[in-house]
Amino acid sequence: MNPPYTTYSETIKAEIGYSYRGFWRVKLWYSEKALIEFGFPGLRIKKFTSEEFSTIKEMSKTFGNDETVFYPSNYKQLKLIQQLIDIGFLVAD
């Protein structure tokens, strides 16, 4: 059984039509092909292959407060979002 996940007892499953944002603030780091989480007690970094980073960029939108939100629209994007949910980087919006 998975540990408690925010207010749910199990990890959520990513779906098309939903948006996903960081549990803490997250931002894409283009030069490193990575996602940075500005959490507690410090930064966490998730690096991607070139292909994965291209996929994650396609579904990302950054807002004025420098907050990055992800909007998956296909299976390939869902797979990446699910990985980020599973390791605690993202939650459903």
C-alpha atoms as a PDB file:
ATOM      1  CA  MET A   1       0.000   0.000   0.000  1.00  0.00           C
ATOM      2  CA  ASN A   2       1.193   3.499  -0.823  1.00  0.00           C
ATOM      3  CA  PRO A   3       1.781   5.998   1.984  1.00  0.00           C
ATOM      4  CA  PRO A   4      -0.825   8.743   2.390  1.00  0.00           C
ATOM      5  CA  TYR A   5      -0.772  11.137  -0.536  1.00  0.00           C
ATOM      6  CA  THR A   6      -1.826  14.621   0.530  1.00  0.00           C
ATOM      7  CA  THR A   7      -5.465  14.109   1.544  1.00  0.00           C
ATOM      8  CA  TYR A   8      -5.875  10.844  -0.386  1.00  0.00           C
ATOM      9  CA  SER A   9      -4.746   7.472   0.855  1.00  0.00           C
ATOM     10  CA  GLU A  10      -3.386   6.445  -2.560  1.00  0.00           C
ATOM     11  CA  THR A  11      -1.406   8.105  -5.311  1.00  0.00           C
ATOM     12  CA  ILE A  12      -3.704   9.730  -7.863  1.00  0.00           C
ATOM     13  CA  LYS A  13      -3.677   8.591 -11.483  1.00  0.00           C
ATOM     14  CA  ALA A  14      -2.959  11.237 -14.106  1.00  0.00           C
ATOM     15  CA  GLU A  15      -5.696  11.883 -16.645  1.00  0.00           C
ATOM     16  CA  ILE A  16      -6.089  13.980 -19.766  1.00  0.00           C
ATOM     17  CA  GLY A  17      -8.200  17.067 -19.169  1.00  0.00           C
ATOM     18  CA  TYR A  18      -6.724  17.864 -15.766  1.00  0.00           C
ATOM     19  CA  SER A  19      -3.907  20.186 -14.800  1.00  0.00           C
ATOM     20  CA  TYR A  20      -1.003  19.351 -12.506  1.00  0.00           C
ATOM     21  CA  ARG A  21       1.225  21.650 -10.467  1.00  0.00           C
ATOM     22  CA  GLY A  22       3.927  21.212  -7.909  1.00  0.00           C
ATOM     23  CA  PHE A  23       3.167  20.259  -4.348  1.00  0.00           C
ATOM     24  CA  TRP A  24       5.814  22.949  -3.782  1.00  0.00           C
ATOM     25  CA  ARG A  25       6.582  25.522  -6.494  1.00  0.00           C
ATOM     26  CA  VAL A  26       8.214  23.902  -9.530  1.00  0.00           C
ATOM     27  CA  LYS A  27       9.964  25.369 -12.546  1.00  0.00           C
ATOM     28  CA  LEU A  28      11.598  23.982 -15.675  1.00  0.00           C
ATOM     29  CA  TRP A  29      15.370  24.401 -15.823  1.00  0.00           C
ATOM     30  CA  TYR A  30      16.027  24.507 -19.563  1.00  0.00           C
ATOM     31  CA  SER A  31      19.831  24.412 -19.603  1.00  0.00           C
ATOM     32  CA  GLU A  32      19.846  21.254 -17.448  1.00  0.00           C
ATOM     33  CA  LYS A  33      16.738  19.608 -18.964  1.00  0.00           C
ATOM     34  CA  ALA A  34      15.310  19.322 -15.477  1.00  0.00           C
ATOM     35  CA  LEU A  35      12.425  20.195 -13.202  1.00  0.00           C
ATOM     36  CA  ILE A  36      13.296  22.011  -9.981  1.00  0.00           C
ATOM     37  CA  GLU A  37      11.143  21.803  -6.885  1.00  0.00           C
ATOM     38  CA  PHE A  38      11.533  24.699  -4.440  1.00  0.00           C
ATOM     39  CA  GLY A  39      10.453  22.716  -1.403  1.00  0.00           C
ATOM     40  CA  PHE A  40      11.339  22.123   2.187  1.00  0.00           C
ATOM     41  CA  PRO A  41      14.018  21.637   3.428  1.00  0.00           C
ATOM     42  CA  GLY A  42      15.602  22.547   0.075  1.00  0.00           C
ATOM     43  CA  LEU A  43      15.641  22.064  -3.692  1.00  0.00           C
ATOM     44  CA  ARG A  44      14.975  18.784  -5.439  1.00  0.00           C
ATOM     45  CA  ILE A  45      15.892  18.268  -9.087  1.00  0.00           C
ATOM     46  CA  LYS A  46      14.475  15.744 -11.545  1.00  0.00           C
ATOM     47  CA  LYS A  47      16.532  15.444 -14.737  1.00  0.00           C
ATOM     48  CA  PHE A  48      15.118  14.247 -18.055  1.00  0.00           C
ATOM     49  CA  THR A  49      16.424  12.868 -21.316  1.00  0.00           C
ATOM     50  CA  SER A  50      16.228  15.256 -24.277  1.00  0.00           C
ATOM     51  CA  GLU A  51      13.099  13.488 -25.539  1.00  0.00           C
ATOM     52  CA  GLU A  52      11.415  13.559 -22.115  1.00  0.00           C
ATOM     53  CA  PHE A  53      12.247  17.235 -21.643  1.00  0.00           C
ATOM     54  CA  SER A  54      10.784  18.074 -25.038  1.00  0.00           C
ATOM     55  CA  THR A  55       7.597  16.246 -24.009  1.00  0.00           C
ATOM     56  CA  ILE A  56       7.394  18.027 -20.655  1.00  0.00           C
ATOM     57  CA  LYS A  57       7.922  21.433 -22.315  1.00  0.00           C
ATOM     58  CA  GLU A  58       5.050  20.767 -24.742  1.00  0.00           C
ATOM     59  CA  MET A  59       2.535  20.488 -21.913  1.00  0.00           C
ATOM     60  CA  SER A  60       3.853  23.198 -19.585  1.00  0.00           C
ATOM     61  CA  LYS A  61       2.644  26.722 -19.062  1.00  0.00           C
ATOM     62  CA  THR A  62       4.351  29.248 -16.769  1.00  0.00           C
ATOM     63  CA  PHE A  63       2.308  31.940 -15.104  1.00  0.00           C
ATOM     64  CA  GLY A  64       3.265  35.429 -13.914  1.00  0.00           C
ATOM     65  CA  ASN A  65       4.170  34.205 -10.445  1.00  0.00           C
ATOM     66  CA  ASP A  66       6.760  31.884 -12.061  1.00  0.00           C
ATOM     67  CA  GLU A  67       4.538  28.892 -11.295  1.00  0.00           C
ATOM     68  CA  THR A  68       4.661  26.091 -13.880  1.00  0.00           C
ATOM     69  CA  VAL A  69       1.511  24.055 -14.521  1.00  0.00           C
ATOM     70  CA  PHE A  70       1.271  20.982 -16.754  1.00  0.00           C
ATOM     71  CA  TYR A  71      -1.634  20.090 -19.064  1.00  0.00           C
ATOM     72  CA  PRO A  72      -1.145  16.585 -20.503  1.00  0.00           C
ATOM     73  CA  SER A  73      -2.987  15.815 -23.733  1.00  0.00           C
ATOM     74  CA  ASN A  74      -1.655  12.397 -24.790  1.00  0.00           C
ATOM     75  CA  TYR A  75      -0.436   9.091 -23.361  1.00  0.00           C
ATOM     76  CA  LYS A  76       3.266   9.985 -23.611  1.00  0.00           C
ATOM     77  CA  GLN A  77       2.691  13.125 -21.542  1.00  0.00           C
ATOM     78  CA  LEU A  78       0.512  11.246 -19.035  1.00  0.00           C
ATOM     79  CA  LYS A  79       3.299   8.745 -18.454  1.00  0.00           C
ATOM     80  CA  LEU A  80       5.737  11.539 -17.521  1.00  0.00           C
ATOM     81  CA  ILE A  81       3.180  13.296 -15.333  1.00  0.00           C
ATOM     82  CA  GLN A  82       2.451  10.034 -13.515  1.00  0.00           C
ATOM     83  CA  GLN A  83       6.148   9.557 -12.775  1.00  0.00           C
ATOM     84  CA  LEU A  84       6.294  13.054 -11.288  1.00  0.00           C
ATOM     85  CA  ILE A  85       3.177  12.394  -9.219  1.00  0.00           C
ATOM     86  CA  ASP A  86       4.594   9.089  -7.975  1.00  0.00           C
ATOM     87  CA  ILE A  87       7.786  10.747  -6.685  1.00  0.00           C
ATOM     88  CA  GLY A  88       5.869  13.619  -5.103  1.00  0.00           C
ATOM     89  CA  PHE A  89       6.741  16.486  -7.435  1.00  0.00           C
ATOM     90  CA  LEU A  90       3.221  17.083  -8.765  1.00  0.00           C
ATOM     91  CA  VAL A  91      -0.365  17.008  -7.562  1.00  0.00           C
ATOM     92  CA  ALA A  92      -3.652  17.451  -9.401  1.00  0.00           C
ATOM     93  CA  ASP A  93      -4.740  21.056  -9.628  1.00  0.00           C
END
